[in-house]
Amino acid sequence: LPVPVPVPNLTKKSRGRRVPTYSSGGSKGTRMYLCDVEGCGKCFARGEHLKRHVRSIHTNEKPHTCPFPGCGKDFSRHDNLGQHMRVHKDFVPP
């Protein structure tokens, strides 16, 4: 995948958790990072958010694996693994 490129003069105009696309427009002064994957067009105010988006949506890369014996579920984000680990907190071995 290509290196993320900041898009000048594009602001995040959104309500709730909706992520704006490049076509949403915006005002001057805010740099946005545009997803280069064909047909996506989502943009982010921070480069690391774009990287997270590409890894979790477009590449299906899941580098974080549950270490609990017998589970082995994979996650694209460390925080999602942490949330998942709560299902094992009350486990009592036989």
PDB file of N, CA and C in Angstrom:
ATOM      1  N   LEU A   1       0.835  -1.185   0.000  1.00  0.00           N
ATOM      2  CA  LEU A   1       0.000   0.000   0.000  1.00  0.00           C
ATOM      3  C   LEU A   1       0.876   1.243   0.000  1.00  0.00           C
ATOM      4  N   PRO A   2       0.385   2.306  -0.608  1.00  0.00           N
ATOM      5  CA  PRO A   2       1.166   3.541  -0.641  1.00  0.00           C
ATOM      6  C   PRO A   2       1.239   4.195   0.737  1.00  0.00           C
ATOM      7  N   VAL A   3       2.235   5.038   0.913  1.00  0.00           N
ATOM      8  CA  VAL A   3       2.416   5.785   2.154  1.00  0.00           C
ATOM      9  C   VAL A   3       1.297   6.820   2.258  1.00  0.00           C
ATOM     10  N   PRO A   4       0.666   6.972   3.440  1.00  0.00           N
ATOM     11  CA  PRO A   4      -0.391   7.968   3.597  1.00  0.00           C
ATOM     12  C   PRO A   4       0.119   9.370   3.290  1.00  0.00           C
ATOM     13  N   VAL A   5      -0.692  10.133   2.585  1.00  0.00           N
ATOM     14  CA  VAL A   5      -0.322  11.483   2.197  1.00  0.00           C
ATOM     15  C   VAL A   5      -1.312  12.453   2.824  1.00  0.00           C
ATOM     16  N   PRO A   6      -0.837  13.486   3.526  1.00  0.00           N
ATOM     17  CA  PRO A   6      -1.769  14.442   4.110  1.00  0.00           C
ATOM     18  C   PRO A   6      -2.490  15.234   3.024  1.00  0.00           C
ATOM     19  N   VAL A   7      -3.767  15.487   3.246  1.00  0.00           N
ATOM     20  CA  VAL A   7      -4.554  16.281   2.315  1.00  0.00           C
ATOM     21  C   VAL A   7      -4.705  17.662   2.936  1.00  0.00           C
ATOM     22  N   PRO A   8      -4.175  18.705   2.295  1.00  0.00           N
ATOM     23  CA  PRO A   8      -4.235  20.044   2.881  1.00  0.00           C
ATOM     24  C   PRO A   8      -5.652  20.620   2.847  1.00  0.00           C
ATOM     25  N   ASN A   9      -5.940  21.493   3.811  1.00  0.00           N
ATOM     26  CA  ASN A   9      -7.184  22.260   3.850  1.00  0.00           C
ATOM     27  C   ASN A   9      -8.445  21.412   3.874  1.00  0.00           C
ATOM     28  N   LEU A  10      -8.422  20.331   4.615  1.00  0.00           N
ATOM     29  CA  LEU A  10      -9.601  19.482   4.731  1.00  0.00           C
ATOM     30  C   LEU A  10      -9.864  19.256   6.210  1.00  0.00           C
ATOM     31  N   THR A  11     -11.078  19.555   6.660  1.00  0.00           N
ATOM     32  CA  THR A  11     -11.394  19.396   8.078  1.00  0.00           C
ATOM     33  C   THR A  11     -12.316  18.211   8.301  1.00  0.00           C
ATOM     34  N   LYS A  12     -12.356  17.758   9.521  1.00  0.00           N
ATOM     35  CA  LYS A  12     -13.230  16.644   9.881  1.00  0.00           C
ATOM     36  C   LYS A  12     -14.593  17.214  10.260  1.00  0.00           C
ATOM     37  N   LYS A  13     -15.525  17.093   9.349  1.00  0.00           N
ATOM     38  CA  LYS A  13     -16.883  17.557   9.606  1.00  0.00           C
ATOM     39  C   LYS A  13     -17.727  16.312   9.804  1.00  0.00           C
ATOM     40  N   SER A  14     -18.016  16.014  11.049  1.00  0.00           N
ATOM     41  CA  SER A  14     -18.769  14.788  11.280  1.00  0.00           C
ATOM     42  C   SER A  14     -19.643  14.910  12.510  1.00  0.00           C
ATOM     43  N   ARG A  15     -20.628  14.056  12.565  1.00  0.00           N
ATOM     44  CA  ARG A  15     -21.458  13.921  13.752  1.00  0.00           C
ATOM     45  C   ARG A  15     -21.285  12.504  14.256  1.00  0.00           C
ATOM     46  N   GLY A  16     -21.228  12.331  15.572  1.00  0.00           N
ATOM     47  CA  GLY A  16     -21.061  11.004  16.133  1.00  0.00           C
ATOM     48  C   GLY A  16     -19.721  10.416  15.746  1.00  0.00           C
ATOM     49  N   ARG A  17     -19.724   9.144  15.295  1.00  0.00           N
ATOM     50  CA  ARG A  17     -18.484   8.460  14.965  1.00  0.00           C
ATOM     51  C   ARG A  17     -18.311   8.292  13.464  1.00  0.00           C
ATOM     52  N   ARG A  18     -19.115   8.976  12.665  1.00  0.00           N
ATOM     53  CA  ARG A  18     -18.995   8.882  11.217  1.00  0.00           C
ATOM     54  C   ARG A  18     -17.669   9.500  10.792  1.00  0.00           C
ATOM     55  N   VAL A  19     -16.960   8.822   9.923  1.00  0.00           N
ATOM     56  CA  VAL A  19     -15.682   9.328   9.430  1.00  0.00           C
ATOM     57  C   VAL A  19     -15.924   9.987   8.086  1.00  0.00           C
ATOM     58  N   PRO A  20     -15.524  11.251   7.932  1.00  0.00           N
ATOM     59  CA  PRO A  20     -15.783  11.940   6.671  1.00  0.00           C
ATOM     60  C   PRO A  20     -14.941  11.385   5.530  1.00  0.00           C
ATOM     61  N   THR A  21     -15.422  11.610   4.335  1.00  0.00           N
ATOM     62  CA  THR A  21     -14.662  11.247   3.149  1.00  0.00           C
ATOM     63  C   THR A  21     -14.082  12.518   2.559  1.00  0.00           C
ATOM     64  N   TYR A  22     -13.171  12.355   1.612  1.00  0.00           N
ATOM     65  CA  TYR A  22     -12.514  13.500   1.000  1.00  0.00           C
ATOM     66  C   TYR A  22     -13.529  14.436   0.367  1.00  0.00           C
ATOM     67  N   SER A  23     -14.618  13.892  -0.186  1.00  0.00           N
ATOM     68  CA  SER A  23     -15.609  14.709  -0.871  1.00  0.00           C
ATOM     69  C   SER A  23     -16.417  15.578   0.082  1.00  0.00           C
ATOM     70  N   SER A  24     -16.277  15.374   1.401  1.00  0.00           N
ATOM     71  CA  SER A  24     -17.022  16.157   2.378  1.00  0.00           C
ATOM     72  C   SER A  24     -16.581  17.622   2.402  1.00  0.00           C
ATOM     73  N   GLY A  25     -15.405  17.911   1.892  1.00  0.00           N
ATOM     74  CA  GLY A  25     -14.912  19.279   1.893  1.00  0.00           C
ATOM     75  C   GLY A  25     -14.437  19.700   3.265  1.00  0.00           C
ATOM     76  N   GLY A  26     -14.279  20.995   3.460  1.00  0.00           N
ATOM     77  CA  GLY A  26     -13.838  21.458   4.766  1.00  0.00           C
ATOM     78  C   GLY A  26     -13.308  22.867   4.695  1.00  0.00           C
ATOM     79  N   SER A  27     -12.801  23.361   5.816  1.00  0.00           N
ATOM     80  CA  SER A  27     -12.274  24.711   5.856  1.00  0.00           C
ATOM     81  C   SER A  27     -10.756  24.673   5.895  1.00  0.00           C
ATOM     82  N   LYS A  28     -10.163  25.842   5.775  1.00  0.00           N
ATOM     83  CA  LYS A  28      -8.701  25.932   5.727  1.00  0.00           C
ATOM     84  C   LYS A  28      -8.060  25.628   7.073  1.00  0.00           C
ATOM     85  N   GLY A  29      -6.813  25.198   7.023  1.00  0.00           N
ATOM     86  CA  GLY A  29      -6.016  25.091   8.225  1.00  0.00           C
ATOM     87  C   GLY A  29      -5.828  23.710   8.810  1.00  0.00           C
ATOM     88  N   THR A  30      -6.645  22.760   8.469  1.00  0.00           N
ATOM     89  CA  THR A  30      -6.510  21.426   9.046  1.00  0.00           C
ATOM     90  C   THR A  30      -6.028  20.454   7.988  1.00  0.00           C
ATOM     91  N   ARG A  31      -4.971  19.712   8.309  1.00  0.00           N
ATOM     92  CA  ARG A  31      -4.474  18.690   7.383  1.00  0.00           C
ATOM     93  C   ARG A  31      -5.196  17.392   7.668  1.00  0.00           C
ATOM     94  N   MET A  32      -5.620  16.727   6.612  1.00  0.00           N
ATOM     95  CA  MET A  32      -6.281  15.441   6.769  1.00  0.00           C
ATOM     96  C   MET A  32      -5.489  14.398   5.998  1.00  0.00           C
ATOM     97  N   TYR A  33      -5.530  13.171   6.462  1.00  0.00           N
ATOM     98  CA  TYR A  33      -4.846  12.059   5.818  1.00  0.00           C
ATOM     99  C   TYR A  33      -5.897  11.220   5.103  1.00  0.00           C
ATOM    100  N   LEU A  34      -5.735  11.101   3.801  1.00  0.00           N
ATOM    101  CA  LEU A  34      -6.712  10.439   2.947  1.00  0.00           C
ATOM    102  C   LEU A  34      -6.324   8.993   2.687  1.00  0.00           C
ATOM    103  N   CYS A  35      -7.288   8.081   2.791  1.00  0.00           N
ATOM    104  CA  CYS A  35      -7.053   6.675   2.479  1.00  0.00           C
ATOM    105  C   CYS A  35      -6.957   6.532   0.967  1.00  0.00           C
ATOM    106  N   ASP A  36      -5.834   5.973   0.499  1.00  0.00           N
ATOM    107  CA  ASP A  36      -5.579   5.843  -0.933  1.00  0.00           C
ATOM    108  C   ASP A  36      -6.185   4.593  -1.553  1.00  0.00           C
ATOM    109  N   VAL A  37      -6.827   3.743  -0.762  1.00  0.00           N
ATOM    110  CA  VAL A  37      -7.413   2.527  -1.313  1.00  0.00           C
ATOM    111  C   VAL A  37      -8.579   2.918  -2.214  1.00  0.00           C
ATOM    112  N   GLU A  38      -8.570   2.383  -3.428  1.00  0.00           N
ATOM    113  CA  GLU A  38      -9.572   2.738  -4.428  1.00  0.00           C
ATOM    114  C   GLU A  38     -10.985   2.512  -3.902  1.00  0.00           C
ATOM    115  N   GLY A  39     -11.814   3.538  -4.038  1.00  0.00           N
ATOM    116  CA  GLY A  39     -13.205   3.440  -3.636  1.00  0.00           C
ATOM    117  C   GLY A  39     -13.479   3.753  -2.180  1.00  0.00           C
ATOM    118  N   CYS A  40     -12.452   3.993  -1.379  1.00  0.00           N
ATOM    119  CA  CYS A  40     -12.661   4.252   0.048  1.00  0.00           C
ATOM    120  C   CYS A  40     -12.876   5.746   0.294  1.00  0.00           C
ATOM    121  N   GLY A  41     -11.821   6.535   0.157  1.00  0.00           N
ATOM    122  CA  GLY A  41     -11.931   7.976   0.299  1.00  0.00           C
ATOM    123  C   GLY A  41     -12.087   8.495   1.710  1.00  0.00           C
ATOM    124  N   LYS A  42     -11.966   7.671   2.740  1.00  0.00           N
ATOM    125  CA  LYS A  42     -12.087   8.162   4.108  1.00  0.00           C
ATOM    126  C   LYS A  42     -10.849   8.972   4.462  1.00  0.00           C
ATOM    127  N   CYS A  43     -11.034   9.936   5.343  1.00  0.00           N
ATOM    128  CA  CYS A  43      -9.906  10.771   5.739  1.00  0.00           C
ATOM    129  C   CYS A  43      -9.870  10.899   7.254  1.00  0.00           C
ATOM    130  N   PHE A  44      -8.675  11.167   7.756  1.00  0.00           N
ATOM    131  CA  PHE A  44      -8.440  11.194   9.192  1.00  0.00           C
ATOM    132  C   PHE A  44      -7.557  12.377   9.538  1.00  0.00           C
ATOM    133  N   ALA A  45      -7.751  12.927  10.724  1.00  0.00           N
ATOM    134  CA  ALA A  45      -6.961  14.069  11.167  1.00  0.00           C
ATOM    135  C   ALA A  45      -5.557  13.657  11.581  1.00  0.00           C
ATOM    136  N   ARG A  46      -5.357  12.386  11.907  1.00  0.00           N
ATOM    137  CA  ARG A  46      -4.051  11.917  12.359  1.00  0.00           C
ATOM    138  C   ARG A  46      -3.594  10.744  11.512  1.00  0.00           C
ATOM    139  N   GLY A  47      -2.310  10.737  11.192  1.00  0.00           N
ATOM    140  CA  GLY A  47      -1.742   9.682  10.370  1.00  0.00           C
ATOM    141  C   GLY A  47      -1.879   8.302  10.985  1.00  0.00           C
ATOM    142  N   GLU A  48      -1.744   8.214  12.326  1.00  0.00           N
ATOM    143  CA  GLU A  48      -1.853   6.902  12.969  1.00  0.00           C
ATOM    144  C   GLU A  48      -3.270   6.347  12.894  1.00  0.00           C
ATOM    145  N   HIS A  49      -4.267   7.226  12.814  1.00  0.00           N
ATOM    146  CA  HIS A  49      -5.643   6.756  12.652  1.00  0.00           C
ATOM    147  C   HIS A  49      -5.851   6.190  11.252  1.00  0.00           C
ATOM    148  N   LEU A  50      -5.211   6.802  10.270  1.00  0.00           N
ATOM    149  CA  LEU A  50      -5.277   6.259   8.910  1.00  0.00           C
ATOM    150  C   LEU A  50      -4.605   4.893   8.862  1.00  0.00           C
ATOM    151  N   LYS A  51      -3.445   4.753   9.498  1.00  0.00           N
ATOM    152  CA  LYS A  51      -2.750   3.458   9.516  1.00  0.00           C
ATOM    153  C   LYS A  51      -3.617   2.389  10.171  1.00  0.00           C
ATOM    154  N   ARG A  52      -4.266   2.742  11.279  1.00  0.00           N
ATOM    155  CA  ARG A  52      -5.154   1.805  11.972  1.00  0.00           C
ATOM    156  C   ARG A  52      -6.317   1.400  11.065  1.00  0.00           C
ATOM    157  N   HIS A  53      -6.887   2.363  10.357  1.00  0.00           N
ATOM    158  CA  HIS A  53      -7.991   2.100   9.429  1.00  0.00           C
ATOM    159  C   HIS A  53      -7.565   1.139   8.330  1.00  0.00           C
ATOM    160  N   VAL A  54      -6.429   1.402   7.709  1.00  0.00           N
ATOM    161  CA  VAL A  54      -5.954   0.548   6.613  1.00  0.00           C
ATOM    162  C   VAL A  54      -5.698  -0.862   7.122  1.00  0.00           C
ATOM    163  N   ARG A  55      -5.053  -0.984   8.282  1.00  0.00           N
ATOM    164  CA  ARG A  55      -4.738  -2.307   8.830  1.00  0.00           C
ATOM    165  C   ARG A  55      -6.007  -3.083   9.170  1.00  0.00           C
ATOM    166  N   SER A  56      -6.980  -2.428   9.772  1.00  0.00           N
ATOM    167  CA  SER A  56      -8.161  -3.162  10.227  1.00  0.00           C
ATOM    168  C   SER A  56      -9.220  -3.351   9.150  1.00  0.00           C
ATOM    169  N   ILE A  57      -9.308  -2.455   8.182  1.00  0.00           N
ATOM    170  CA  ILE A  57     -10.364  -2.541   7.170  1.00  0.00           C
ATOM    171  C   ILE A  57      -9.870  -3.144   5.864  1.00  0.00           C
ATOM    172  N   HIS A  58      -8.729  -2.688   5.368  1.00  0.00           N
ATOM    173  CA  HIS A  58      -8.309  -3.062   4.017  1.00  0.00           C
ATOM    174  C   HIS A  58      -7.347  -4.245   3.940  1.00  0.00           C
ATOM    175  N   THR A  59      -6.486  -4.426   4.927  1.00  0.00           N
ATOM    176  CA  THR A  59      -5.509  -5.514   4.832  1.00  0.00           C
ATOM    177  C   THR A  59      -5.915  -6.728   5.654  1.00  0.00           C
ATOM    178  N   ASN A  60      -6.875  -6.553   6.556  1.00  0.00           N
ATOM    179  CA  ASN A  60      -7.323  -7.628   7.446  1.00  0.00           C
ATOM    180  C   ASN A  60      -6.161  -8.200   8.263  1.00  0.00           C
ATOM    181  N   GLU A  61      -5.144  -7.373   8.488  1.00  0.00           N
ATOM    182  CA  GLU A  61      -3.989  -7.769   9.299  1.00  0.00           C
ATOM    183  C   GLU A  61      -4.416  -7.833  10.764  1.00  0.00           C
ATOM    184  N   LYS A  62      -4.107  -8.927  11.426  1.00  0.00           N
ATOM    185  CA  LYS A  62      -4.478  -9.113  12.830  1.00  0.00           C
ATOM    186  C   LYS A  62      -3.266  -9.602  13.618  1.00  0.00           C
ATOM    187  N   PRO A  63      -2.382  -8.675  13.997  1.00  0.00           N
ATOM    188  CA  PRO A  63      -1.138  -9.060  14.655  1.00  0.00           C
ATOM    189  C   PRO A  63      -1.265  -9.361  16.150  1.00  0.00           C
ATOM    190  N   HIS A  64      -2.425  -9.130  16.752  1.00  0.00           N
ATOM    191  CA  HIS A  64      -2.593  -9.324  18.194  1.00  0.00           C
ATOM    192  C   HIS A  64      -3.424 -10.578  18.451  1.00  0.00           C
ATOM    193  N   THR A  65      -2.797 -11.594  19.053  1.00  0.00           N
ATOM    194  CA  THR A  65      -3.445 -12.880  19.301  1.00  0.00           C
ATOM    195  C   THR A  65      -3.686 -13.081  20.790  1.00  0.00           C
ATOM    196  N   CYS A  66      -4.849 -13.592  21.124  1.00  0.00           N
ATOM    197  CA  CYS A  66      -5.188 -13.872  22.524  1.00  0.00           C
ATOM    198  C   CYS A  66      -4.257 -14.957  23.060  1.00  0.00           C
ATOM    199  N   PRO A  67      -3.563 -14.676  24.170  1.00  0.00           N
ATOM    200  CA  PRO A  67      -2.621 -15.649  24.725  1.00  0.00           C
ATOM    201  C   PRO A  67      -3.285 -16.714  25.601  1.00  0.00           C
ATOM    202  N   PHE A  68      -4.589 -16.598  25.819  1.00  0.00           N
ATOM    203  CA  PHE A  68      -5.282 -17.551  26.685  1.00  0.00           C
ATOM    204  C   PHE A  68      -5.261 -18.935  26.048  1.00  0.00           C
ATOM    205  N   PRO A  69      -4.890 -19.975  26.797  1.00  0.00           N
ATOM    206  CA  PRO A  69      -4.800 -21.333  26.236  1.00  0.00           C
ATOM    207  C   PRO A  69      -6.119 -21.789  25.607  1.00  0.00           C
ATOM    208  N   GLY A  70      -6.034 -22.224  24.364  1.00  0.00           N
ATOM    209  CA  GLY A  70      -7.198 -22.736  23.654  1.00  0.00           C
ATOM    210  C   GLY A  70      -8.044 -21.695  22.965  1.00  0.00           C
ATOM    211  N   CYS A  71      -7.738 -20.415  23.128  1.00  0.00           N
ATOM    212  CA  CYS A  71      -8.552 -19.370  22.501  1.00  0.00           C
ATOM    213  C   CYS A  71      -8.001 -19.036  21.121  1.00  0.00           C
ATOM    214  N   GLY A  72      -6.872 -18.325  21.078  1.00  0.00           N
ATOM    215  CA  GLY A  72      -6.211 -18.023  19.819  1.00  0.00           C
ATOM    216  C   GLY A  72      -6.904 -17.031  18.909  1.00  0.00           C
ATOM    217  N   LYS A  73      -7.890 -16.267  19.407  1.00  0.00           N
ATOM    218  CA  LYS A  73      -8.543 -15.266  18.563  1.00  0.00           C
ATOM    219  C   LYS A  73      -7.539 -14.178  18.213  1.00  0.00           C
ATOM    220  N   ASP A  74      -7.685 -13.633  17.005  1.00  0.00           N
ATOM    221  CA  ASP A  74      -6.780 -12.593  16.516  1.00  0.00           C
ATOM    222  C   ASP A  74      -7.521 -11.270  16.397  1.00  0.00           C
ATOM    223  N   PHE A  75      -6.776 -10.179  16.616  1.00  0.00           N
ATOM    224  CA  PHE A  75      -7.355  -8.843  16.570  1.00  0.00           C
ATOM    225  C   PHE A  75      -6.420  -7.896  15.831  1.00  0.00           C
ATOM    226  N   SER A  76      -7.011  -6.934  15.133  1.00  0.00           N
ATOM    227  CA  SER A  76      -6.210  -5.957  14.399  1.00  0.00           C
ATOM    228  C   SER A  76      -5.699  -4.859  15.328  1.00  0.00           C
ATOM    229  N   ARG A  77      -6.362  -4.669  16.466  1.00  0.00           N
ATOM    230  CA  ARG A  77      -5.985  -3.607  17.391  1.00  0.00           C
ATOM    231  C   ARG A  77      -5.738  -4.162  18.786  1.00  0.00           C
ATOM    232  N   HIS A  78      -4.707  -3.621  19.445  1.00  0.00           N
ATOM    233  CA  HIS A  78      -4.345  -4.058  20.793  1.00  0.00           C
ATOM    234  C   HIS A  78      -5.474  -3.781  21.783  1.00  0.00           C
ATOM    235  N   ASP A  79      -6.158  -2.649  21.634  1.00  0.00           N
ATOM    236  CA  ASP A  79      -7.239  -2.329  22.559  1.00  0.00           C
ATOM    237  C   ASP A  79      -8.405  -3.308  22.420  1.00  0.00           C
ATOM    238  N   ASN A  80      -8.646  -3.819  21.215  1.00  0.00           N
ATOM    239  CA  ASN A  80      -9.697  -4.822  21.032  1.00  0.00           C
ATOM    240  C   ASN A  80      -9.318  -6.139  21.710  1.00  0.00           C
ATOM    241  N   LEU A  81      -8.042  -6.495  21.657  1.00  0.00           N
ATOM    242  CA  LEU A  81      -7.573  -7.685  22.372  1.00  0.00           C
ATOM    243  C   LEU A  81      -7.782  -7.502  23.872  1.00  0.00           C
ATOM    244  N   GLY A  82      -7.435  -6.323  24.375  1.00  0.00           N
ATOM    245  CA  GLY A  82      -7.620  -6.049  25.800  1.00  0.00           C
ATOM    246  C   GLY A  82      -9.074  -6.181  26.225  1.00  0.00           C
ATOM    247  N   GLN A  83      -9.975  -5.679  25.401  1.00  0.00           N
ATOM    248  CA  GLN A  83     -11.399  -5.796  25.697  1.00  0.00           C
ATOM    249  C   GLN A  83     -11.819  -7.269  25.679  1.00  0.00           C
ATOM    250  N   HIS A  84     -11.327  -8.021  24.714  1.00  0.00           N
ATOM    251  CA  HIS A  84     -11.638  -9.446  24.606  1.00  0.00           C
ATOM    252  C   HIS A  84     -11.156 -10.222  25.831  1.00  0.00           C
ATOM    253  N   MET A  85     -10.008  -9.854  26.372  1.00  0.00           N
ATOM    254  CA  MET A  85      -9.425 -10.588  27.498  1.00  0.00           C
ATOM    255  C   MET A  85     -10.362 -10.626  28.703  1.00  0.00           C
ATOM    256  N   ARG A  86     -11.307  -9.695  28.769  1.00  0.00           N
ATOM    257  CA  ARG A  86     -12.259  -9.682  29.881  1.00  0.00           C
ATOM    258  C   ARG A  86     -13.125 -10.941  29.911  1.00  0.00           C
ATOM    259  N   VAL A  87     -13.332 -11.581  28.765  1.00  0.00           N
ATOM    260  CA  VAL A  87     -14.164 -12.792  28.758  1.00  0.00           C
ATOM    261  C   VAL A  87     -13.466 -13.933  29.490  1.00  0.00           C
ATOM    262  N   HIS A  88     -12.162 -13.850  29.643  1.00  0.00           N
ATOM    263  CA  HIS A  88     -11.398 -14.905  30.310  1.00  0.00           C
ATOM    264  C   HIS A  88     -11.151 -14.620  31.794  1.00  0.00           C
ATOM    265  N   LYS A  89     -11.510 -13.443  32.284  1.00  0.00           N
ATOM    266  CA  LYS A  89     -11.137 -13.046  33.649  1.00  0.00           C
ATOM    267  C   LYS A  89     -11.747 -13.921  34.738  1.00  0.00           C
ATOM    268  N   ASP A  90     -12.930 -14.475  34.515  1.00  0.00           N
ATOM    269  CA  ASP A  90     -13.579 -15.293  35.541  1.00  0.00           C
ATOM    270  C   ASP A  90     -13.385 -16.793  35.323  1.00  0.00           C
ATOM    271  N   PHE A  91     -12.502 -17.131  34.388  1.00  0.00           N
ATOM    272  CA  PHE A  91     -12.284 -18.544  34.078  1.00  0.00           C
ATOM    273  C   PHE A  91     -11.599 -19.248  35.244  1.00  0.00           C
ATOM    274  N   VAL A  92     -12.137 -20.399  35.619  1.00  0.00           N
ATOM    275  CA  VAL A  92     -11.530 -21.223  36.669  1.00  0.00           C
ATOM    276  C   VAL A  92     -11.155 -22.552  36.030  1.00  0.00           C
ATOM    277  N   PRO A  93      -9.863 -22.901  36.023  1.00  0.00           N
ATOM    278  CA  PRO A  93      -9.452 -24.163  35.397  1.00  0.00           C
ATOM    279  C   PRO A  93     -10.123 -25.361  36.076  1.00  0.00           C
ATOM    280  N   PRO A  94     -10.444 -26.404  35.308  1.00  0.00           N
ATOM    281  CA  PRO A  94     -11.093 -27.593  35.886  1.00  0.00           C
ATOM    282  C   PRO A  94     -10.181 -28.347  36.838  1.00  0.00           C
TER     283      PRO A  94
END
